[in-house]
Protein backbone atom coordinates (compact mmCIF):
# COMPACT_ATOMS: atom_id res chain seq x y z
CA MET A 1 -43.35 13.12 -61.04
CA ILE A 2 -39.51 14.05 -61.85
CA GLU A 3 -38.24 11.00 -63.81
CA ARG A 4 -34.46 12.26 -63.87
CA LEU A 5 -32.27 15.05 -62.53
CA LYS A 6 -29.77 17.00 -64.21
CA ALA A 7 -26.56 18.20 -62.48
CA GLY A 8 -26.43 21.88 -62.14
CA ALA A 9 -30.19 22.25 -62.36
CA THR A 10 -31.56 24.97 -60.17
CA VAL A 11 -34.40 24.14 -57.36
CA LEU A 12 -36.08 26.51 -55.38
CA SER A 13 -37.13 26.11 -51.63
CA PRO A 14 -40.54 27.42 -50.66
CA ASP A 15 -38.79 30.51 -49.18
CA GLY A 16 -37.09 31.18 -52.67
CA THR A 17 -33.55 29.78 -51.71
CA ALA A 18 -31.93 28.23 -54.93
CA PHE A 19 -30.16 25.04 -54.51
CA ALA A 20 -27.93 23.60 -57.50
CA VAL A 21 -28.31 19.72 -57.96
CA ASP A 22 -24.82 18.12 -57.68
CA GLU A 23 -23.58 15.36 -59.81
CA GLU A 24 -23.92 12.88 -56.83
CA LEU A 25 -27.57 13.70 -56.44
CA ALA A 26 -28.30 13.57 -60.07
CA ALA A 27 -26.50 10.10 -60.42
CA ALA A 28 -28.59 8.73 -57.25
CA PHE A 29 -31.86 10.01 -58.25
CA GLU A 30 -34.17 7.41 -59.69
CA PRO A 31 -37.72 7.60 -61.27
CA GLY A 32 -40.19 7.68 -58.31
CA ASP A 33 -37.82 9.42 -55.93
CA ARG A 34 -38.91 12.57 -54.30
CA LEU A 35 -36.87 15.68 -54.21
CA VAL A 36 -37.62 18.30 -51.50
CA ALA A 37 -35.76 21.62 -51.30
CA THR A 38 -35.27 23.13 -47.67
CA ARG A 39 -33.59 26.18 -46.21
CA GLN A 40 -32.39 23.97 -43.41
CA ALA A 41 -30.67 21.18 -45.39
CA GLY A 42 -30.55 22.05 -48.84
CA LEU A 43 -31.78 19.47 -51.32
CA LEU A 44 -33.29 16.17 -49.91
CA ARG A 45 -33.69 13.10 -51.81
CA ILE A 46 -36.45 10.51 -50.50
CA PRO A 47 -36.17 7.37 -52.17
CA ALA A 48 -39.51 5.68 -53.55
CA ALA A 49 -39.16 2.74 -51.27
CA GLU A 50 -38.86 4.89 -48.09
CA ALA A 51 -41.75 6.92 -49.34
CA ARG A 52 -43.76 3.77 -49.51
CA ARG A 53 -42.73 2.66 -46.07
CA ALA A 54 -43.85 5.93 -44.58
CA ASP A 55 -47.05 5.89 -46.71
CA ALA A 56 -48.10 2.41 -45.44
CA ALA A 57 -47.63 3.31 -41.79
CA VAL A 58 -49.66 6.63 -42.17
CA THR A 59 -52.40 4.82 -44.10
CA ALA A 60 -52.39 2.06 -41.28
CA ALA A 61 -52.76 4.94 -38.70
CA SER A 62 -55.24 6.72 -40.73
CA ASP A 63 -57.47 3.83 -41.27
CA ALA A 64 -57.32 2.99 -37.63
CA PHE A 65 -58.28 6.62 -36.66
CA GLY A 66 -61.56 5.97 -38.50
CA ALA A 67 -62.29 2.75 -36.56
CA MET A 68 -61.43 4.41 -33.31
CA ASN A 69 -64.80 6.21 -33.24
CA ALA A 70 -66.32 2.87 -32.64
CA VAL A 71 -63.84 1.95 -29.66
CA ASN A 72 -64.98 2.90 -26.00
CA ASP A 73 -62.84 4.16 -23.65
CA ASP A 74 -62.86 0.98 -21.62
CA ALA A 75 -61.17 -0.66 -24.57
CA ILE A 76 -58.41 1.90 -24.72
CA VAL A 77 -57.74 1.63 -20.87
CA GLY A 78 -57.42 -2.19 -21.49
CA PHE A 79 -54.83 -1.66 -23.99
CA TYR A 80 -52.75 -0.06 -21.48
CA ALA A 81 -53.23 -2.78 -18.96
CA GLU A 82 -52.40 -5.34 -21.51
CA ALA A 83 -49.27 -3.57 -22.54
CA SER A 84 -48.26 -3.00 -19.05
CA ALA A 85 -48.79 -6.79 -18.16
CA GLN A 86 -46.49 -7.74 -21.14
CA LEU A 87 -43.69 -5.50 -19.98
CA GLU A 88 -44.16 -6.73 -16.50
CA ASP A 89 -43.57 -10.45 -17.84
CA ASP A 90 -39.96 -11.33 -17.23
CA ALA A 91 -39.85 -13.73 -20.31
CA VAL A 92 -40.99 -10.93 -22.54
CA TRP A 93 -38.73 -8.21 -20.82
CA ASN A 94 -35.70 -10.60 -21.05
CA SER A 95 -36.37 -11.10 -24.86
CA ILE A 96 -36.59 -7.47 -25.47
CA ALA A 97 -33.28 -6.81 -23.33
CA GLU A 98 -31.47 -9.46 -25.36
CA ILE A 99 -32.38 -7.64 -28.71
CA ASN A 100 -31.63 -4.30 -27.12
CA ALA A 101 -28.25 -5.54 -26.21
CA GLU A 102 -27.42 -6.47 -30.03
CA ASP A 103 -28.69 -2.75 -30.95
CA VAL A 104 -26.37 -1.32 -28.32
CA LEU A 105 -23.37 -3.49 -29.73
CA ARG A 106 -23.87 -2.23 -33.20
CA ALA A 107 -24.28 1.44 -32.09
CA GLN A 108 -21.01 1.11 -30.09
CA ALA A 109 -19.27 -0.35 -33.12
CA ARG A 110 -20.37 2.78 -35.18
CA GLY A 111 -19.00 5.01 -32.40
CA ARG A 112 -22.60 6.04 -31.28
CA SER A 113 -23.55 7.10 -28.00
CA THR A 114 -25.65 4.55 -26.19
CA THR A 115 -26.40 6.45 -22.97
CA ARG A 116 -30.31 6.63 -23.66
CA LEU A 117 -30.20 3.35 -25.77
CA VAL A 118 -29.58 0.89 -23.14
CA VAL A 119 -32.97 -0.56 -21.75
CA SER A 120 -32.73 -1.24 -17.90
CA ASN A 121 -35.13 -2.19 -15.20
CA ALA A 122 -35.44 1.33 -14.20
CA MET A 123 -36.48 2.11 -17.79
CA ARG A 124 -38.87 -0.71 -17.75
CA GLY A 125 -40.30 0.52 -14.58
CA LYS A 126 -40.93 3.96 -15.91
CA MET A 127 -42.54 2.53 -19.12
CA ILE A 128 -44.82 0.45 -16.98
CA GLU A 129 -45.55 3.53 -14.83
CA GLY A 130 -46.23 5.65 -17.93
CA LEU A 131 -48.56 3.19 -19.49
CA LYS A 132 -50.63 2.80 -16.10
CA GLY A 133 -50.31 6.53 -15.86
CA TRP A 134 -52.23 6.80 -19.18
CA ALA A 135 -54.83 4.61 -18.21
CA GLU A 136 -55.79 6.60 -15.15
CA MET A 137 -55.74 9.94 -17.08
CA PRO A 138 -59.29 11.12 -17.94
CA SER A 139 -59.94 11.46 -21.57
CA THR A 140 -61.12 14.62 -23.19
CA ARG A 141 -62.86 12.68 -25.92
CA GLY A 142 -66.74 13.19 -25.53
CA SER A 143 -66.14 15.71 -22.53
CA VAL A 144 -68.26 18.55 -22.40
CA LEU A 145 -65.74 21.40 -22.01
CA GLU A 146 -68.27 24.35 -22.03
CA THR A 147 -72.08 24.88 -22.12
CA ILE A 148 -73.80 27.87 -23.40
CA ALA A 149 -77.58 28.24 -22.71
CA HIS A 150 -79.87 29.97 -24.95
CA ASP A 151 -83.71 30.53 -25.10
CA GLY A 152 -84.79 27.14 -26.53
CA PHE A 153 -81.53 25.71 -27.31
CA ARG A 154 -77.98 25.09 -25.80
CA VAL A 155 -74.58 25.07 -27.44
CA GLU A 156 -71.95 22.58 -25.98
CA LEU A 157 -68.07 22.60 -26.75
CA VAL A 158 -67.11 18.91 -26.86
CA GLY A 159 -63.78 17.37 -26.76
CA ALA A 160 -62.93 15.11 -29.55
CA ALA A 161 -59.95 12.99 -30.85
CA LEU A 162 -57.42 15.16 -33.32
CA GLY A 163 -56.23 12.32 -35.63
CA PRO A 164 -53.17 10.32 -36.64
CA VAL A 165 -50.13 11.75 -34.57
CA ALA A 166 -46.64 11.11 -35.90
CA PHE A 167 -43.53 10.79 -33.87
CA VAL A 168 -39.96 10.94 -34.82
CA PHE A 169 -37.28 10.25 -32.09
CA GLU A 170 -33.72 8.76 -31.75
CA GLY A 171 -32.15 6.08 -29.79
CA ARG A 172 -34.82 6.01 -26.83
CA PRO A 173 -36.96 2.96 -26.86
CA ASN A 174 -38.88 4.02 -23.94
CA VAL A 175 -40.31 6.90 -25.76
CA LEU A 176 -42.43 4.27 -27.55
CA ALA A 177 -44.56 3.85 -24.45
CA ASP A 178 -44.65 7.78 -24.30
CA ALA A 179 -46.18 7.87 -27.92
CA CYS A 180 -48.93 5.51 -27.00
CA GLY A 181 -50.29 7.99 -24.80
CA VAL A 182 -52.17 9.83 -27.61
CA LEU A 183 -54.54 6.68 -27.74
CA ARG A 184 -56.13 7.82 -24.50
CA GLY A 185 -58.09 10.63 -26.42
CA GLY A 186 -59.03 8.36 -29.34
CA ASN A 187 -56.08 9.58 -31.68
CA THR A 188 -53.74 7.04 -33.28
CA VAL A 189 -50.03 7.13 -33.59
CA VAL A 190 -47.23 6.20 -36.24
CA PHE A 191 -43.66 6.69 -35.29
CA ARG A 192 -40.21 6.32 -36.74
CA ILE A 193 -37.24 5.61 -34.40
CA GLY A 194 -33.54 6.06 -35.13
CA SER A 195 -31.48 3.24 -36.46
CA ASP A 196 -29.84 2.64 -33.22
CA ALA A 197 -32.74 1.47 -31.55
CA LEU A 198 -35.05 0.16 -34.56
CA GLN A 199 -34.75 -3.49 -33.55
CA THR A 200 -35.65 -2.69 -30.05
CA ALA A 201 -38.58 -0.84 -31.01
CA GLN A 202 -39.63 -3.66 -33.38
CA ALA A 203 -39.39 -6.11 -30.56
CA ILE A 204 -41.48 -4.00 -28.38
CA MET A 205 -44.06 -3.78 -31.21
CA ARG A 206 -44.14 -7.38 -31.65
CA GLN A 207 -44.17 -8.69 -28.12
CA VAL A 208 -45.85 -5.80 -26.17
CA VAL A 209 -47.87 -3.40 -28.48
CA ARG A 210 -49.44 -5.66 -30.97
CA PRO A 211 -50.70 -8.18 -28.60
CA ALA A 212 -52.01 -5.55 -26.41
CA LEU A 213 -54.00 -3.83 -29.30
CA ALA A 214 -55.53 -7.09 -30.24
CA GLU A 215 -56.53 -8.22 -26.87
CA ALA A 216 -58.10 -4.84 -26.09
CA GLY A 217 -59.90 -4.86 -29.35
CA LEU A 218 -58.23 -1.80 -30.92
CA PRO A 219 -57.56 -1.59 -34.63
CA ALA A 220 -54.33 -3.00 -35.41
CA GLY A 221 -52.88 0.08 -37.13
CA ALA A 222 -53.66 2.29 -34.09
CA VAL A 223 -50.01 2.10 -33.23
CA SER A 224 -47.75 1.79 -36.37
CA LEU A 225 -44.12 1.67 -36.96
CA VAL A 226 -42.28 3.03 -40.06
CA ASP A 227 -40.05 -0.01 -40.29
CA SER A 228 -37.01 1.86 -41.73
CA ALA A 229 -33.83 3.06 -40.43
CA ALA A 230 -33.41 5.76 -43.17
CA HIS A 231 -33.76 9.51 -42.19
CA ALA A 232 -35.65 9.70 -45.63
CA ALA A 233 -38.43 7.73 -44.14
CA GLY A 234 -38.75 10.38 -41.42
CA TRP A 235 -38.63 13.11 -43.76
CA ALA A 236 -41.40 11.29 -45.83
CA LEU A 237 -43.59 10.76 -42.85
CA PHE A 238 -43.66 14.29 -41.75
CA LEU A 239 -44.48 15.46 -45.31
CA ASP A 240 -47.72 13.33 -45.32
CA PRO A 241 -50.64 15.83 -45.15
CA ARG A 242 -53.04 13.26 -43.40
CA LEU A 243 -51.24 13.75 -40.08
CA ALA A 244 -52.92 15.76 -37.39
CA LEU A 245 -49.90 16.53 -35.45
CA ALA A 246 -46.08 15.93 -35.96
CA VAL A 247 -43.99 15.43 -32.86
CA ALA A 248 -40.05 15.45 -33.24
CA ARG A 249 -37.66 14.70 -30.32
CA GLY A 250 -33.99 14.44 -30.64
CA SER A 251 -31.03 16.81 -31.60
CA GLY A 252 -31.74 20.26 -32.56
CA ALA A 253 -30.77 20.56 -36.28
CA ALA A 254 -32.47 17.08 -37.05
CA VAL A 255 -35.71 18.38 -35.08
CA GLU A 256 -35.53 21.72 -36.65
CA LEU A 257 -35.59 20.02 -40.20
CA LEU A 258 -38.36 17.93 -39.49
CA GLY A 259 -40.35 20.66 -38.15
CA ALA A 260 -40.00 22.66 -41.18
CA LEU A 261 -41.09 19.73 -43.44
CA ALA A 262 -44.13 19.06 -41.37
CA ARG A 263 -45.07 22.82 -41.58
CA SER A 264 -44.72 22.96 -45.52
CA ALA A 265 -47.22 20.12 -45.56
CA GLY A 266 -49.57 22.08 -43.37
CA THR A 267 -49.28 20.04 -40.26
CA PRO A 268 -49.02 21.53 -36.92
CA VAL A 269 -45.75 20.62 -34.99
CA SER A 270 -44.61 19.94 -31.54
CA LEU A 271 -40.92 20.06 -31.40
CA HIS A 272 -38.60 18.81 -28.67
CA GLY A 273 -35.09 19.39 -29.79
CA THR A 274 -32.97 22.14 -28.39
CA GLY A 275 -32.66 22.40 -24.61
CA GLY A 276 -30.48 23.35 -21.80
CA ALA A 277 -31.68 25.29 -18.68
CA TRP A 278 -30.20 28.44 -17.61
CA MET A 279 -29.70 29.26 -13.85
CA VAL A 280 -29.25 33.00 -12.65
CA VAL A 281 -27.79 33.42 -9.24
CA SER A 282 -28.55 36.49 -7.24
CA GLU A 283 -26.33 38.37 -5.02
CA SER A 284 -28.90 37.52 -2.40
CA ALA A 285 -28.76 33.72 -2.91
CA SER A 286 -27.69 31.52 -0.02
CA THR A 287 -24.63 29.24 -0.34
CA ARG A 288 -26.68 26.25 0.76
CA SER A 289 -29.70 26.80 -1.71
CA LEU A 290 -27.19 27.49 -4.54
CA ARG A 291 -25.25 24.39 -4.08
CA GLU A 292 -28.53 22.41 -3.80
CA ALA A 293 -29.73 23.76 -7.03
CA VAL A 294 -26.79 23.15 -9.01
CA MET A 295 -26.35 19.64 -8.06
CA ARG A 296 -29.94 18.59 -8.21
CA SER A 297 -29.85 20.04 -11.91
CA LEU A 298 -26.86 17.92 -12.97
CA ASP A 299 -27.84 14.30 -11.98
CA ARG A 300 -27.96 13.37 -15.70
CA LYS A 301 -28.19 14.87 -19.15
CA VAL A 302 -31.71 15.86 -20.63
CA CYS A 303 -33.06 18.81 -22.10
CA ASN A 304 -33.75 20.37 -18.56
CA THR A 305 -30.28 19.91 -17.41
CA LEU A 306 -28.51 22.97 -16.01
CA ASN A 307 -26.41 24.25 -19.09
CA THR A 308 -25.56 27.86 -18.45
CA CYS A 309 -25.14 29.48 -15.19
CA CYS A 310 -24.96 33.36 -14.83
CA VAL A 311 -23.72 34.74 -11.61
CA LEU A 312 -25.05 38.37 -10.76
CA GLY A 313 -23.30 41.34 -9.16
CA ALA A 314 -20.00 43.36 -8.98
CA ASN A 315 -18.38 40.66 -6.91
CA PRO A 316 -19.52 37.11 -7.81
CA GLN A 317 -16.41 35.34 -6.46
CA GLU A 318 -18.10 33.76 -3.45
CA HIS A 319 -21.13 32.39 -5.63
CA VAL A 320 -18.74 31.15 -8.54
CA ALA A 321 -16.96 29.17 -5.71
CA THR A 322 -20.17 27.55 -4.83
CA VAL A 323 -20.97 26.90 -8.17
CA LEU A 324 -17.65 25.16 -8.80
CA ASP A 325 -17.93 23.23 -5.64
CA ALA A 326 -21.40 21.93 -6.58
CA LEU A 327 -20.13 21.00 -10.20
CA ALA A 328 -17.26 18.86 -8.55
CA ALA A 329 -19.82 17.32 -6.16
CA ALA A 330 -22.08 16.35 -9.20
CA GLY A 331 -19.19 14.94 -11.10
CA GLU A 332 -17.96 12.83 -8.08
CA ALA A 333 -21.45 11.39 -7.52
CA ARG A 334 -21.21 9.94 -11.22
CA GLY A 335 -17.54 8.90 -10.71
CA GLN A 336 -16.40 11.78 -13.03
CA SER A 337 -14.85 14.99 -12.88
CA PHE A 338 -16.72 18.24 -14.59
CA ARG A 339 -16.08 20.56 -17.74
CA LEU A 340 -16.32 24.10 -17.50
CA HIS A 341 -16.65 26.79 -20.21
CA VAL A 342 -16.03 30.15 -19.05
CA ALA A 343 -17.59 33.20 -21.01
CA ASP A 344 -15.07 35.99 -21.90
CA GLY A 345 -14.64 38.34 -19.07
CA GLY A 346 -14.88 35.70 -16.48
CA ARG A 347 -11.62 34.01 -16.49
CA HIS A 348 -10.31 35.72 -13.35
CA LEU A 349 -13.09 34.19 -11.34
CA VAL A 350 -11.86 30.66 -11.76
CA PRO A 351 -8.70 29.04 -10.54
CA GLU A 352 -6.17 29.30 -13.33
CA PRO A 353 -4.85 25.95 -12.95
CA MET A 354 -8.34 24.61 -14.07
CA PHE A 355 -7.35 25.85 -17.67
CA THR A 356 -4.27 23.61 -17.85
CA THR A 357 -5.36 20.54 -15.79
CA PRO A 358 -6.54 17.73 -18.11
CA VAL A 359 -9.28 15.43 -16.79
CA ARG A 360 -11.15 12.43 -18.27
CA VAL A 361 -14.43 13.08 -19.90
CA MET A 362 -16.91 10.43 -21.24
CA ARG A 363 -18.11 11.65 -24.89
CA ALA A 364 -20.27 9.76 -27.05
CA GLU A 365 -17.14 8.35 -28.96
CA GLY A 366 -15.80 7.28 -25.59
CA GLU A 367 -13.38 8.50 -23.02
CA VAL A 368 -10.99 11.42 -24.01
CA THR A 369 -8.92 13.72 -22.10
CA GLU A 370 -9.55 17.47 -22.19
CA MET A 371 -8.63 20.52 -20.12
CA GLN A 372 -10.93 21.06 -17.25
CA ALA A 373 -12.07 24.60 -18.21
CA ASP A 374 -11.72 26.82 -21.47
CA MET A 375 -12.90 29.99 -22.57
CA LEU A 376 -16.23 30.52 -24.64
CA ALA A 377 -17.18 33.69 -26.70
CA ALA A 378 -19.72 35.85 -24.87
CA ASP A 379 -22.02 35.32 -27.85
CA ALA A 380 -22.05 31.41 -27.33
CA LEU A 381 -24.07 31.15 -24.23
CA GLY A 382 -26.90 29.43 -25.75
CA HIS A 383 -24.63 26.41 -26.89
CA GLU A 384 -26.04 23.09 -25.48
CA TRP A 385 -23.49 20.54 -24.04
CA GLU A 386 -24.60 17.25 -24.94
CA TRP A 387 -22.46 15.58 -22.20
CA GLU A 388 -22.57 11.48 -21.65
CA GLU A 389 -21.36 11.26 -18.03
CA THR A 390 -19.04 14.21 -17.34
CA PRO A 391 -21.09 17.21 -16.17
CA GLU A 392 -20.46 20.15 -18.39
CA VAL A 393 -21.63 23.70 -17.84
CA THR A 394 -20.98 27.24 -19.18
CA LEU A 395 -20.23 29.89 -16.58
CA THR A 396 -21.10 33.58 -17.18
CA THR A 397 -21.65 36.78 -15.22
CA ALA A 398 -24.09 39.82 -15.53
CA ALA A 399 -23.92 43.14 -13.54
CA THR A 400 -27.60 43.10 -13.13
CA LEU A 401 -30.58 40.79 -13.12
CA ASP A 402 -32.18 42.70 -16.20
CA GLU A 403 -28.91 42.07 -18.13
CA ALA A 404 -29.15 38.35 -17.37
CA ILE A 405 -32.60 38.23 -18.66
CA ALA A 406 -31.62 39.93 -21.58
CA ALA A 407 -29.02 37.48 -22.27
CA PHE A 408 -31.36 34.49 -21.76
CA ASN A 409 -33.79 36.07 -24.09
CA ALA A 410 -31.55 36.91 -26.86
CA GLN A 411 -29.16 33.54 -26.57
CA SER A 412 -30.99 30.61 -24.90
CA PRO A 413 -33.35 28.01 -26.65
CA ARG A 414 -35.91 29.78 -24.31
CA LEU A 415 -36.75 26.58 -22.36
CA VAL A 416 -36.10 26.60 -18.75
CA GLY A 417 -35.08 29.49 -16.56
CA THR A 418 -34.53 29.54 -13.02
CA LEU A 419 -33.55 32.30 -10.36
CA VAL A 420 -31.83 31.52 -7.11
CA SER A 421 -32.80 34.31 -4.88
CA ASP A 422 -33.92 35.27 -1.38
CA ASP A 423 -35.45 38.49 -3.06
CA ALA A 424 -39.18 38.28 -3.78
CA ASP A 425 -39.12 41.41 -6.09
CA GLU A 426 -36.38 39.89 -8.22
CA HIS A 427 -38.49 36.62 -8.49
CA GLU A 428 -41.41 38.73 -9.64
CA ARG A 429 -39.37 40.58 -12.05
CA PHE A 430 -37.73 37.43 -13.52
CA TRP A 431 -41.12 35.91 -13.90
CA ARG A 432 -42.76 38.87 -15.71
CA THR A 433 -39.69 39.43 -18.23
CA LEU A 434 -38.11 36.15 -18.85
CA ASP A 435 -39.27 34.86 -22.30
CA ALA A 436 -39.61 31.18 -21.48
CA PRO A 437 -42.44 28.73 -20.73
CA PHE A 438 -40.94 27.10 -17.64
CA VAL A 439 -39.79 29.37 -14.92
CA GLY A 440 -38.58 28.43 -11.38
CA ASP A 441 -36.69 29.26 -8.31
CA GLY A 442 -34.44 26.29 -7.52
CA HIS A 443 -33.08 23.26 -9.48
CA THR A 444 -34.21 23.10 -13.21
CA ARG A 445 -34.91 19.23 -13.40
CA TRP A 446 -38.46 19.89 -12.14
CA VAL A 447 -39.51 20.59 -15.88
CA ASP A 448 -41.02 17.25 -16.41
CA GLY A 449 -44.45 16.24 -16.96
CA GLN A 450 -44.69 13.31 -14.61
CA TYR A 451 -42.66 15.22 -11.75
CA ALA A 452 -44.45 18.46 -12.19
CA LEU A 453 -48.00 17.75 -13.42
CA GLY A 454 -48.52 14.18 -12.32
CA LYS A 455 -49.04 13.29 -16.15
CA PRO A 456 -46.96 11.05 -18.45
CA GLU A 457 -45.17 13.29 -20.80
CA LEU A 458 -44.91 13.06 -24.56
CA GLY A 459 -42.15 15.76 -24.71
CA LEU A 460 -41.38 19.41 -23.75
CA SER A 461 -41.58 22.26 -26.17
CA ASN A 462 -39.24 25.49 -26.04
CA TRP A 463 -40.05 28.92 -27.34
CA GLN A 464 -37.09 28.99 -29.64
CA GLY A 465 -39.47 28.83 -32.71
CA GLY A 466 -42.10 31.31 -30.88
CA ARG A 467 -44.89 30.72 -28.18
CA LEU A 468 -47.11 27.94 -28.36
CA PHE A 469 -50.73 28.73 -29.39
CA ALA A 470 -53.33 27.61 -26.66
CA ARG A 471 -51.26 25.21 -24.83
CA GLY A 472 -48.49 24.63 -22.39
CA GLY A 473 -44.80 23.56 -23.13
CA VAL A 474 -45.52 20.00 -21.69
CA LEU A 475 -47.16 17.71 -24.41
CA THR A 476 -49.15 15.00 -22.56
CA GLY A 477 -51.90 12.65 -23.82
CA ASP A 478 -54.77 14.69 -22.68
CA SER A 479 -53.42 17.91 -24.69
CA VAL A 480 -53.96 16.11 -28.04
CA PHE A 481 -57.45 16.91 -28.81
CA THR A 482 -59.70 19.34 -30.83
CA VAL A 483 -63.10 20.79 -30.01
CA ARG A 484 -66.39 20.13 -31.79
CA THR A 485 -69.51 22.42 -31.36
CA ARG A 486 -73.02 20.86 -30.81
CA TYR A 487 -76.35 22.58 -31.10
CA ILE A 488 -78.94 20.92 -28.79
CA THR A 489 -82.92 21.83 -28.78
CA THR A 490 -84.11 22.39 -25.43
């Protein structure tokens, strides 16, 4: 236990990077605090109070996991029924919406984006649909996955609950319902939500989750919230070795840091941070299919939204014009214009007035005026545009499909790649050589657990940190399990 820090002292991270303690950190550090050195963020101070809050939440989830062995599947299904019924109650929902409105006002006063924070009837419907979806999903817990017969005995591989699962996510209160999906397989969950949505999450816990847990007969700690808005509470949560899985959703840098902390504690991670889909446009693409693919990929900003469009061939002008037309239509559908970032070498393909025409753009901090188009370095194709209401895309070109694939593999977050082409051979080569978990032949927004697989989704994982072991990029409730091996005499 460190009692005090001295300014100028050197602290090494696990990878050997040296960091010096500055005077501000030394003055703030108190006995009981925790100091963590990370390559991603330098020195992190976790105040003792935040560590205690995280510890209490994990303890509740860990104790509840032990009790879940005595809970049958009908009780778990009953929890989802009770929780969805609470959300369907107008009085309950109106109370949650009022508290959410206060969260929104506070976030706006701090200049924060509220696009994903605001609850709506549409969000309410999705939460109810997700909870009911978990109830209908078969559980892996207790399922015999494989049987190997021998002379006088057999061996069974049996699905089993994994353990306490931690979630950290930002200002999206609906993700709380997603997180409850891990209960379906007998797991428990502890989560921490960003400061913008904390009071909304507390209201959902108080008025929906806890009553449903009690009514269904599940242990109270089966769903546990870290009651803190501090980032340090999330750091402490992910450093707890009692976790079976750590799931982080949010911005790229924050997710990367949380993943590194969990890995340092020996906890497997599922990270859902950096996104942005790529669309490659073949010379053989039809105008109609291209226009539709671009428009359907830009209905709103999420991780599978079109971010980078690469047009192939020696004469890409016609397809570039179609892309620009579709961008304009996507903006008009939202009452907006659009923003374009043109990679070096492609300026001649875009009408020159776009580089000097100011347009209104909705940013997290509010409405601003920017030029409709600007230039982008050729090595910055992977930058993800976090737009609010104004569609924003990078435009680049490549001479060949192989050149476009190489750019994707080198610069993208390796999440979603789609090829708009009428050439079957091109699609086969694209599938074989693109280094991504999600590959398609049209719009990019299909990458969604509910839409593609018919399963409520806990998050999507890219391959930026390497391929995933033994599972797909869609994390769902039925993919959070382990396997036990049983010997039975026959």
